Amino acid sequence: MIRILILIGFTFLFMHLHATGDISKYINMNYAWISYSTIFLLWFITIAEFLFYMKGDDHHDHGIDCDCGHHHNPSNKWKRRAWYPVYLLPIFTALFLPVATLDSNIVEAKGFHFPIYEKNSPYEQHQFLQPDTSSFYGEDAYGQMMEHDLKQFSTKKMLNLEDEEFLNAMETIYNYSGEFTGKKIKLKGFMYHTDELADNQYFLFRFGIIHCIADSGVFGMLVEFPDDVSFKNDDWVTVTGEISTMYYQPFKKTIPVVKVTHAEKIEEPKNPYVYRNNQ
């Protein structure tokens, strides 16, 4: 019966994440069909487990002899049940603890420092500032995708990176910054300032998800205002300006920068994350 309750818990958890929209804080919604499929699979397994339970086909939990010729020790049942809290923990934490929205508290001064990403898990690959999806494709496939994106974005009179095109266009701009010099751009995100920047310079960031939270990162561009401005970290702003480039000493590389002509402080969007759209 405990196994049935655990299965029901996981099924309800996935349904809850979709109903509340919190699933978008864990995965790229282009892959939402996988979690939908998981819901149906869990329901099927739950029903099957319930039918086995009703038929009394649960003799492997009792210390009896069976046709296999072995006596099943009752202590094995308690060893299995000792793992039940491990299965219950993610259900309770996901349902009863609030989902934390990533913000500039994760980005500390003195350069970029992301303590939430310092787990060094072999299954996690986090990126900062510049999106790079080259590791997810073969060399030829990645080259073709970048050529497609370059043709798509370079022909636009103005780039609008407020939401859907943020990661795709951002990766293209970093790869071909010379092709976008002088092009008008509009983008929104939260402000982040470090001691290494001038008073009129900020990084404008979005937390992005390429496939799932394991490959999420902090992406954005340096923005430069014509005069000294006063924003707080985490202030959400929409900026309009022209793309230029500059050599950024802390990174020892040339990076794109937006020369801001207009800025407007806005409320944090309902969904602050952006996602990679794969062609």
C-alpha atoms as a PDB file:
ATOM      1  CA  MET A   1       0.000   0.000   0.000  1.00  0.00           C
ATOM      2  CA  ILE A   2       2.892   2.370   0.761  1.00  0.00           C
ATOM      3  CA  ARG A   3       4.246   1.860  -2.742  1.00  0.00           C
ATOM      4  CA  ILE A   4       0.830   2.798  -4.162  1.00  0.00           C
ATOM      5  CA  LEU A   5       0.778   5.995  -2.101  1.00  0.00           C
ATOM      6  CA  ILE A   6       4.282   6.891  -3.272  1.00  0.00           C
ATOM      7  CA  LEU A   7       3.280   6.384  -6.907  1.00  0.00           C
ATOM      8  CA  ILE A   8       0.162   8.500  -6.396  1.00  0.00           C
ATOM      9  CA  GLY A   9       2.360  11.154  -4.771  1.00  0.00           C
ATOM     10  CA  PHE A  10       4.740  11.334  -7.735  1.00  0.00           C
ATOM     11  CA  THR A  11       1.822  11.395 -10.190  1.00  0.00           C
ATOM     12  CA  PHE A  12       0.151  14.225  -8.311  1.00  0.00           C
ATOM     13  CA  LEU A  13       3.488  16.058  -8.086  1.00  0.00           C
ATOM     14  CA  PHE A  14       3.919  16.165 -11.871  1.00  0.00           C
ATOM     15  CA  MET A  15       0.281  17.173 -12.330  1.00  0.00           C
ATOM     16  CA  HIS A  16       0.718  19.909  -9.702  1.00  0.00           C
ATOM     17  CA  LEU A  17       3.822  21.298 -11.421  1.00  0.00           C
ATOM     18  CA  HIS A  18       1.982  21.536 -14.730  1.00  0.00           C
ATOM     19  CA  ALA A  19      -1.183  23.006 -13.187  1.00  0.00           C
ATOM     20  CA  THR A  20       0.761  25.743 -11.373  1.00  0.00           C
ATOM     21  CA  GLY A  21       3.207  26.373 -14.226  1.00  0.00           C
ATOM     22  CA  ASP A  22       6.173  25.657 -11.950  1.00  0.00           C
ATOM     23  CA  ILE A  23       7.334  22.946 -14.340  1.00  0.00           C
ATOM     24  CA  SER A  24       8.782  25.764 -16.485  1.00  0.00           C
ATOM     25  CA  LYS A  25      11.293  26.472 -13.699  1.00  0.00           C
ATOM     26  CA  TYR A  26      12.767  23.003 -14.076  1.00  0.00           C
ATOM     27  CA  ILE A  27      12.709  22.196 -17.794  1.00  0.00           C
ATOM     28  CA  ASN A  28      12.620  23.821 -21.198  1.00  0.00           C
ATOM     29  CA  MET A  29       8.937  23.717 -22.134  1.00  0.00           C
ATOM     30  CA  ASN A  30       9.864  22.409 -25.576  1.00  0.00           C
ATOM     31  CA  TYR A  31      10.286  19.103 -23.737  1.00  0.00           C
ATOM     32  CA  ALA A  32       7.060  19.302 -21.751  1.00  0.00           C
ATOM     33  CA  TRP A  33       5.746  16.275 -23.660  1.00  0.00           C
ATOM     34  CA  ILE A  34       8.231  14.122 -21.719  1.00  0.00           C
ATOM     35  CA  SER A  35       6.745  15.093 -18.354  1.00  0.00           C
ATOM     36  CA  TYR A  36       3.216  14.684 -19.744  1.00  0.00           C
ATOM     37  CA  SER A  37       4.182  11.166 -20.830  1.00  0.00           C
ATOM     38  CA  THR A  38       5.580  10.560 -17.351  1.00  0.00           C
ATOM     39  CA  ILE A  39       2.191  11.419 -15.827  1.00  0.00           C
ATOM     40  CA  PHE A  40       0.407   8.813 -17.963  1.00  0.00           C
ATOM     41  CA  LEU A  41       3.127   6.239 -17.288  1.00  0.00           C
ATOM     42  CA  LEU A  42       2.899   6.805 -13.533  1.00  0.00           C
ATOM     43  CA  TRP A  43      -0.886   6.474 -13.624  1.00  0.00           C
ATOM     44  CA  PHE A  44      -0.534   3.170 -15.504  1.00  0.00           C
ATOM     45  CA  ILE A  45       2.033   1.826 -12.998  1.00  0.00           C
ATOM     46  CA  THR A  46      -0.103   3.003 -10.071  1.00  0.00           C
ATOM     47  CA  ILE A  47      -3.195   1.252 -11.402  1.00  0.00           C
ATOM     48  CA  ALA A  48      -1.204  -1.926 -12.086  1.00  0.00           C
ATOM     49  CA  GLU A  49       0.265  -1.863  -8.570  1.00  0.00           C
ATOM     50  CA  PHE A  50      -3.212  -1.322  -7.113  1.00  0.00           C
ATOM     51  CA  LEU A  51      -4.601  -4.317  -9.029  1.00  0.00           C
ATOM     52  CA  PHE A  52      -1.732  -6.515  -7.799  1.00  0.00           C
ATOM     53  CA  TYR A  53      -2.418  -5.344  -4.262  1.00  0.00           C
ATOM     54  CA  MET A  54      -6.150  -6.100  -4.520  1.00  0.00           C
ATOM     55  CA  LYS A  55      -5.386  -9.578  -5.846  1.00  0.00           C
ATOM     56  CA  GLY A  56      -3.132 -10.182  -2.865  1.00  0.00           C
ATOM     57  CA  ASP A  57      -0.161 -10.671  -5.187  1.00  0.00           C
ATOM     58  CA  ASP A  58       2.223  -9.222  -2.654  1.00  0.00           C
ATOM     59  CA  HIS A  59       3.653 -12.416  -1.139  1.00  0.00           C
ATOM     60  CA  HIS A  60       7.210 -11.257  -1.723  1.00  0.00           C
ATOM     61  CA  ASP A  61       6.772  -8.939   1.254  1.00  0.00           C
ATOM     62  CA  HIS A  62       6.199 -11.847   3.669  1.00  0.00           C
ATOM     63  CA  GLY A  63       8.531 -14.434   5.122  1.00  0.00           C
ATOM     64  CA  ILE A  64       7.195 -17.471   3.274  1.00  0.00           C
ATOM     65  CA  ASP A  65       8.481 -20.204   1.087  1.00  0.00           C
ATOM     66  CA  CYS A  66       7.587 -19.897  -2.568  1.00  0.00           C
ATOM     67  CA  ASP A  67       7.954 -22.007  -5.698  1.00  0.00           C
ATOM     68  CA  CYS A  68      11.421 -20.627  -6.295  1.00  0.00           C
ATOM     69  CA  GLY A  69      12.721 -22.880  -3.494  1.00  0.00           C
ATOM     70  CA  HIS A  70      14.004 -20.033  -1.340  1.00  0.00           C
ATOM     71  CA  HIS A  71      12.744 -18.733   1.971  1.00  0.00           C
ATOM     72  CA  HIS A  72      12.211 -14.968   1.895  1.00  0.00           C
ATOM     73  CA  ASN A  73      13.518 -13.366   5.073  1.00  0.00           C
ATOM     74  CA  PRO A  74      11.047 -10.882   6.658  1.00  0.00           C
ATOM     75  CA  SER A  75      13.948  -8.552   7.412  1.00  0.00           C
ATOM     76  CA  ASN A  76      14.246  -7.846   3.687  1.00  0.00           C
ATOM     77  CA  LYS A  77      10.842  -6.161   3.864  1.00  0.00           C
ATOM     78  CA  TRP A  78      12.102  -3.668   6.448  1.00  0.00           C
ATOM     79  CA  LYS A  79      15.245  -3.010   4.431  1.00  0.00           C
ATOM     80  CA  ARG A  80      13.073  -2.088   1.462  1.00  0.00           C
ATOM     81  CA  ARG A  81      10.815   0.085   3.584  1.00  0.00           C
ATOM     82  CA  ALA A  82      13.823   1.927   4.967  1.00  0.00           C
ATOM     83  CA  TRP A  83      14.106   3.533   1.520  1.00  0.00           C
ATOM     84  CA  TYR A  84      10.537   4.862   1.529  1.00  0.00           C
ATOM     85  CA  PRO A  85      11.456   8.198   3.205  1.00  0.00           C
ATOM     86  CA  VAL A  86      13.965   8.774   0.403  1.00  0.00           C
ATOM     87  CA  TYR A  87      11.144   8.455  -2.155  1.00  0.00           C
ATOM     88  CA  LEU A  88       8.795  10.621  -0.090  1.00  0.00           C
ATOM     89  CA  LEU A  89      11.286  13.467   0.437  1.00  0.00           C
ATOM     90  CA  PRO A  90      11.142  14.957  -3.108  1.00  0.00           C
ATOM     91  CA  ILE A  91       7.336  14.790  -3.046  1.00  0.00           C
ATOM     92  CA  PHE A  92       7.033  16.732   0.205  1.00  0.00           C
ATOM     93  CA  THR A  93       9.744  19.257  -0.665  1.00  0.00           C
ATOM     94  CA  ALA A  94       8.269  20.007  -4.100  1.00  0.00           C
ATOM     95  CA  LEU A  95       4.706  20.324  -2.789  1.00  0.00           C
ATOM     96  CA  PHE A  96       5.276  22.201   0.459  1.00  0.00           C
ATOM     97  CA  LEU A  97       8.423  24.262  -0.103  1.00  0.00           C
ATOM     98  CA  PRO A  98       8.272  27.327  -2.385  1.00  0.00           C
ATOM     99  CA  VAL A  99      10.058  27.184  -5.726  1.00  0.00           C
ATOM    100  CA  ALA A 100      12.965  29.620  -5.526  1.00  0.00           C
ATOM    101  CA  THR A 101      13.352  31.973  -8.477  1.00  0.00           C
ATOM    102  CA  LEU A 102      16.994  32.513  -9.348  1.00  0.00           C
ATOM    103  CA  ASP A 103      18.125  36.134  -9.031  1.00  0.00           C
ATOM    104  CA  SER A 104      21.248  38.230  -8.531  1.00  0.00           C
ATOM    105  CA  ASN A 105      21.785  36.842  -5.024  1.00  0.00           C
ATOM    106  CA  ILE A 106      23.434  34.006  -6.911  1.00  0.00           C
ATOM    107  CA  VAL A 107      25.699  36.479  -8.695  1.00  0.00           C
ATOM    108  CA  GLU A 108      28.154  37.932  -6.195  1.00  0.00           C
ATOM    109  CA  ALA A 109      30.526  40.848  -6.627  1.00  0.00           C
ATOM    110  CA  LYS A 110      34.223  40.589  -7.523  1.00  0.00           C
ATOM    111  CA  GLY A 111      33.484  38.894 -10.814  1.00  0.00           C
ATOM    112  CA  PHE A 112      30.905  36.224 -11.443  1.00  0.00           C
ATOM    113  CA  HIS A 113      30.514  33.772  -8.604  1.00  0.00           C
ATOM    114  CA  PHE A 114      27.642  31.317  -8.638  1.00  0.00           C
ATOM    115  CA  PRO A 115      27.617  29.240  -5.429  1.00  0.00           C
ATOM    116  CA  ILE A 116      24.429  27.437  -6.456  1.00  0.00           C
ATOM    117  CA  TYR A 117      26.372  25.984  -9.387  1.00  0.00           C
ATOM    118  CA  GLU A 118      29.435  24.789  -7.450  1.00  0.00           C
ATOM    119  CA  LYS A 119      28.239  21.219  -6.895  1.00  0.00           C
ATOM    120  CA  ASN A 120      30.545  19.968  -9.656  1.00  0.00           C
ATOM    121  CA  SER A 121      28.097  17.250 -10.594  1.00  0.00           C
ATOM    122  CA  PRO A 122      29.097  15.320 -13.730  1.00  0.00           C
ATOM    123  CA  TYR A 123      25.464  15.581 -14.817  1.00  0.00           C
ATOM    124  CA  GLU A 124      25.362  19.392 -14.638  1.00  0.00           C
ATOM    125  CA  GLN A 125      26.834  21.847 -17.121  1.00  0.00           C
ATOM    126  CA  HIS A 126      26.158  25.480 -16.286  1.00  0.00           C
ATOM    127  CA  GLN A 127      27.130  28.448 -18.427  1.00  0.00           C
ATOM    128  CA  PHE A 128      27.527  32.148 -17.745  1.00  0.00           C
ATOM    129  CA  LEU A 129      26.979  35.265 -19.871  1.00  0.00           C
ATOM    130  CA  GLN A 130      27.402  33.630 -23.292  1.00  0.00           C
ATOM    131  CA  PRO A 131      25.117  30.750 -24.347  1.00  0.00           C
ATOM    132  CA  ASP A 132      27.006  27.912 -26.007  1.00  0.00           C
ATOM    133  CA  THR A 133      25.098  24.874 -27.250  1.00  0.00           C
ATOM    134  CA  SER A 134      27.930  23.522 -29.405  1.00  0.00           C
ATOM    135  CA  SER A 135      28.460  20.562 -27.053  1.00  0.00           C
ATOM    136  CA  PHE A 136      24.914  19.347 -27.729  1.00  0.00           C
ATOM    137  CA  TYR A 137      25.433  19.008 -31.489  1.00  0.00           C
ATOM    138  CA  GLY A 138      27.908  17.644 -33.942  1.00  0.00           C
ATOM    139  CA  GLU A 139      30.242  20.190 -35.527  1.00  0.00           C
ATOM    140  CA  ASP A 140      28.403  20.238 -38.859  1.00  0.00           C
ATOM    141  CA  ALA A 141      24.939  20.367 -37.282  1.00  0.00           C
ATOM    142  CA  TYR A 142      25.966  23.198 -34.977  1.00  0.00           C
ATOM    143  CA  GLY A 143      27.515  25.145 -37.853  1.00  0.00           C
ATOM    144  CA  GLN A 144      24.343  24.809 -39.917  1.00  0.00           C
ATOM    145  CA  MET A 145      22.201  25.926 -36.976  1.00  0.00           C
ATOM    146  CA  MET A 146      24.377  28.995 -36.380  1.00  0.00           C
ATOM    147  CA  GLU A 147      24.269  29.904 -40.076  1.00  0.00           C
ATOM    148  CA  HIS A 148      20.483  29.616 -39.982  1.00  0.00           C
ATOM    149  CA  ASP A 149      20.259  31.847 -36.906  1.00  0.00           C
ATOM    150  CA  LEU A 150      22.727  34.363 -38.352  1.00  0.00           C
ATOM    151  CA  LYS A 151      20.634  34.689 -41.502  1.00  0.00           C
ATOM    152  CA  GLN A 152      17.453  34.991 -39.434  1.00  0.00           C
ATOM    153  CA  PHE A 153      18.657  37.653 -36.994  1.00  0.00           C
ATOM    154  CA  SER A 154      21.101  39.666 -39.121  1.00  0.00           C
ATOM    155  CA  THR A 155      18.367  40.599 -41.604  1.00  0.00           C
ATOM    156  CA  LYS A 156      16.120  42.112 -38.939  1.00  0.00           C
ATOM    157  CA  LYS A 157      16.097  45.892 -38.607  1.00  0.00           C
ATOM    158  CA  MET A 158      15.766  45.566 -34.858  1.00  0.00           C
ATOM    159  CA  LEU A 159      16.366  42.605 -32.564  1.00  0.00           C
ATOM    160  CA  ASN A 160      13.741  42.063 -29.879  1.00  0.00           C
ATOM    161  CA  LEU A 161      15.230  39.863 -27.183  1.00  0.00           C
ATOM    162  CA  GLU A 162      12.563  40.326 -24.559  1.00  0.00           C
ATOM    163  CA  ASP A 163      11.520  36.680 -24.254  1.00  0.00           C
ATOM    164  CA  GLU A 164      11.276  33.955 -26.889  1.00  0.00           C
ATOM    165  CA  GLU A 165      14.341  34.785 -28.988  1.00  0.00           C
ATOM    166  CA  PHE A 166      16.628  35.727 -26.115  1.00  0.00           C
ATOM    167  CA  LEU A 167      18.938  32.697 -25.968  1.00  0.00           C
ATOM    168  CA  ASN A 168      18.977  31.970 -29.705  1.00  0.00           C
ATOM    169  CA  ALA A 169      19.798  35.548 -30.670  1.00  0.00           C
ATOM    170  CA  MET A 170      22.229  35.988 -27.764  1.00  0.00           C
ATOM    171  CA  GLU A 171      24.306  32.994 -28.838  1.00  0.00           C
ATOM    172  CA  THR A 172      24.358  34.271 -32.428  1.00  0.00           C
ATOM    173  CA  ILE A 173      25.444  37.776 -31.356  1.00  0.00           C
ATOM    174  CA  TYR A 174      28.335  36.405 -29.302  1.00  0.00           C
ATOM    175  CA  ASN A 175      29.472  34.149 -32.148  1.00  0.00           C
ATOM    176  CA  TYR A 176      29.203  36.855 -34.827  1.00  0.00           C
ATOM    177  CA  SER A 177      29.453  40.107 -32.869  1.00  0.00           C
ATOM    178  CA  GLY A 178      30.984  41.942 -35.840  1.00  0.00           C
ATOM    179  CA  GLU A 179      27.934  41.183 -37.975  1.00  0.00           C
ATOM    180  CA  PHE A 180      25.645  42.947 -35.486  1.00  0.00           C
ATOM    181  CA  THR A 181      27.674  46.097 -34.784  1.00  0.00           C
ATOM    182  CA  GLY A 182      25.396  49.128 -35.097  1.00  0.00           C
ATOM    183  CA  LYS A 183      22.195  47.066 -35.118  1.00  0.00           C
ATOM    184  CA  LYS A 184      19.359  48.227 -32.895  1.00  0.00           C
ATOM    185  CA  ILE A 185      18.334  45.906 -30.092  1.00  0.00           C
ATOM    186  CA  LYS A 186      15.707  45.730 -27.378  1.00  0.00           C
ATOM    187  CA  LEU A 187      16.019  43.358 -24.453  1.00  0.00           C
ATOM    188  CA  LYS A 188      14.879  42.989 -20.885  1.00  0.00           C
ATOM    189  CA  GLY A 189      16.326  41.384 -17.798  1.00  0.00           C
ATOM    190  CA  PHE A 190      17.523  42.070 -14.282  1.00  0.00           C
ATOM    191  CA  MET A 191      20.392  44.417 -13.546  1.00  0.00           C
ATOM    192  CA  TYR A 192      23.647  43.363 -11.960  1.00  0.00           C
ATOM    193  CA  HIS A 193      26.544  45.693 -11.120  1.00  0.00           C
ATOM    194  CA  THR A 194      30.058  44.826  -9.993  1.00  0.00           C
ATOM    195  CA  ASP A 195      32.890  46.974  -8.669  1.00  0.00           C
ATOM    196  CA  GLU A 196      34.760  46.269 -11.900  1.00  0.00           C
ATOM    197  CA  LEU A 197      32.202  48.232 -13.930  1.00  0.00           C
ATOM    198  CA  ALA A 198      31.876  51.979 -14.394  1.00  0.00           C
ATOM    199  CA  ASP A 199      28.889  53.691 -12.792  1.00  0.00           C
ATOM    200  CA  ASN A 200      27.066  53.779 -16.117  1.00  0.00           C
ATOM    201  CA  GLN A 201      27.676  50.099 -16.911  1.00  0.00           C
ATOM    202  CA  TYR A 202      25.616  47.101 -15.834  1.00  0.00           C
ATOM    203  CA  PHE A 203      25.158  43.536 -16.870  1.00  0.00           C
ATOM    204  CA  LEU A 204      21.628  42.755 -17.966  1.00  0.00           C
ATOM    205  CA  PHE A 205      20.953  39.093 -17.185  1.00  0.00           C
ATOM    206  CA  ARG A 206      18.338  36.410 -17.681  1.00  0.00           C
ATOM    207  CA  PHE A 207      18.447  32.951 -16.187  1.00  0.00           C
ATOM    208  CA  GLY A 208      18.049  30.566 -19.103  1.00  0.00           C
ATOM    209  CA  ILE A 209      17.333  26.873 -19.486  1.00  0.00           C
ATOM    210  CA  ILE A 210      18.705  25.033 -22.506  1.00  0.00           C
ATOM    211  CA  HIS A 211      17.143  21.634 -21.796  1.00  0.00           C
ATOM    212  CA  CYS A 212      16.553  21.416 -18.045  1.00  0.00           C
ATOM    213  CA  ILE A 213      17.703  23.038 -14.821  1.00  0.00           C
ATOM    214  CA  ALA A 214      20.903  20.932 -14.909  1.00  0.00           C
ATOM    215  CA  ASP A 215      22.187  22.949 -17.899  1.00  0.00           C
ATOM    216  CA  SER A 216      20.744  26.304 -16.868  1.00  0.00           C
ATOM    217  CA  GLY A 217      22.891  29.409 -16.791  1.00  0.00           C
ATOM    218  CA  VAL A 218      23.052  33.176 -16.399  1.00  0.00           C
ATOM    219  CA  PHE A 219      23.015  34.818 -19.822  1.00  0.00           C
ATOM    220  CA  GLY A 220      23.064  38.412 -20.964  1.00  0.00           C
ATOM    221  CA  MET A 221      25.059  41.380 -22.171  1.00  0.00           C
ATOM    222  CA  LEU A 222      26.918  44.353 -20.840  1.00  0.00           C
ATOM    223  CA  VAL A 223      24.813  47.517 -21.199  1.00  0.00           C
ATOM    224  CA  GLU A 224      26.268  51.018 -21.114  1.00  0.00           C
ATOM    225  CA  PHE A 225      24.172  54.095 -20.380  1.00  0.00           C
ATOM    226  CA  PRO A 226      25.032  57.593 -21.687  1.00  0.00           C
ATOM    227  CA  ASP A 227      25.076  58.961 -18.117  1.00  0.00           C
ATOM    228  CA  ASP A 228      25.545  57.569 -14.629  1.00  0.00           C
ATOM    229  CA  VAL A 229      22.414  55.729 -13.532  1.00  0.00           C
ATOM    230  CA  SER A 230      21.290  54.179 -10.299  1.00  0.00           C
ATOM    231  CA  PHE A 231      19.799  50.716 -10.444  1.00  0.00           C
ATOM    232  CA  LYS A 232      19.765  48.076  -7.758  1.00  0.00           C
ATOM    233  CA  ASN A 233      20.690  44.481  -8.390  1.00  0.00           C
ATOM    234  CA  ASP A 234      17.541  42.574  -9.383  1.00  0.00           C
ATOM    235  CA  ASP A 235      15.824  45.670 -10.806  1.00  0.00           C
ATOM    236  CA  TRP A 236      14.065  44.558 -13.981  1.00  0.00           C
ATOM    237  CA  VAL A 237      14.641  46.890 -16.920  1.00  0.00           C
ATOM    238  CA  THR A 238      13.840  47.020 -20.618  1.00  0.00           C
ATOM    239  CA  VAL A 239      16.606  48.710 -22.602  1.00  0.00           C
ATOM    240  CA  THR A 240      16.838  49.841 -26.206  1.00  0.00           C
ATOM    241  CA  GLY A 241      20.091  50.725 -27.918  1.00  0.00           C
ATOM    242  CA  GLU A 242      22.750  49.777 -30.449  1.00  0.00           C
ATOM    243  CA  ILE A 243      25.141  46.841 -30.364  1.00  0.00           C
ATOM    244  CA  SER A 244      28.829  47.586 -30.132  1.00  0.00           C
ATOM    245  CA  THR A 245      31.868  45.689 -28.846  1.00  0.00           C
ATOM    246  CA  MET A 246      34.502  46.323 -26.200  1.00  0.00           C
ATOM    247  CA  TYR A 247      37.458  44.529 -24.664  1.00  0.00           C
ATOM    248  CA  TYR A 248      36.477  43.447 -21.144  1.00  0.00           C
ATOM    249  CA  GLN A 249      39.658  43.044 -19.099  1.00  0.00           C
ATOM    250  CA  PRO A 250      38.286  40.696 -16.357  1.00  0.00           C
ATOM    251  CA  PHE A 251      37.357  38.167 -19.056  1.00  0.00           C
ATOM    252  CA  LYS A 252      40.338  39.042 -21.273  1.00  0.00           C
ATOM    253  CA  LYS A 253      38.142  38.960 -24.343  1.00  0.00           C
ATOM    254  CA  THR A 254      36.077  41.187 -26.598  1.00  0.00           C
ATOM    255  CA  ILE A 255      32.375  41.037 -25.775  1.00  0.00           C
ATOM    256  CA  PRO A 256      29.277  42.684 -27.271  1.00  0.00           C
ATOM    257  CA  VAL A 257      27.883  45.678 -25.417  1.00  0.00           C
ATOM    258  CA  VAL A 258      24.629  47.605 -25.814  1.00  0.00           C
ATOM    259  CA  LYS A 259      24.945  51.393 -25.994  1.00  0.00           C
ATOM    260  CA  VAL A 260      21.629  52.278 -24.336  1.00  0.00           C
ATOM    261  CA  THR A 261      19.463  55.038 -25.782  1.00  0.00           C
ATOM    262  CA  HIS A 262      16.324  54.329 -23.749  1.00  0.00           C
ATOM    263  CA  ALA A 263      15.632  52.401 -20.541  1.00  0.00           C
ATOM    264  CA  GLU A 264      12.450  51.661 -18.631  1.00  0.00           C
ATOM    265  CA  LYS A 265      12.148  50.012 -15.246  1.00  0.00           C
ATOM    266  CA  ILE A 266       9.535  47.223 -15.283  1.00  0.00           C
ATOM    267  CA  GLU A 267       8.018  44.627 -12.996  1.00  0.00           C
ATOM    268  CA  GLU A 268       9.542  41.169 -12.882  1.00  0.00           C
ATOM    269  CA  PRO A 269       7.728  39.025 -15.468  1.00  0.00           C
ATOM    270  CA  LYS A 270       5.545  36.168 -14.327  1.00  0.00           C
ATOM    271  CA  ASN A 271       8.047  33.740 -15.809  1.00  0.00           C
ATOM    272  CA  PRO A 272      11.547  35.241 -15.476  1.00  0.00           C
ATOM    273  CA  TYR A 273      13.257  32.396 -17.337  1.00  0.00           C
ATOM    274  CA  VAL A 274      14.110  32.104 -21.017  1.00  0.00           C
ATOM    275  CA  TYR A 275      14.541  28.910 -23.024  1.00  0.00           C
ATOM    276  CA  ARG A 276      16.566  27.699 -25.998  1.00  0.00           C
ATOM    277  CA  ASN A 277      14.405  27.113 -29.042  1.00  0.00           C
ATOM    278  CA  ASN A 278      15.849  24.245 -31.063  1.00  0.00           C
ATOM    279  CA  GLN A 279      15.132  24.172 -34.765  1.00  0.00           C
END
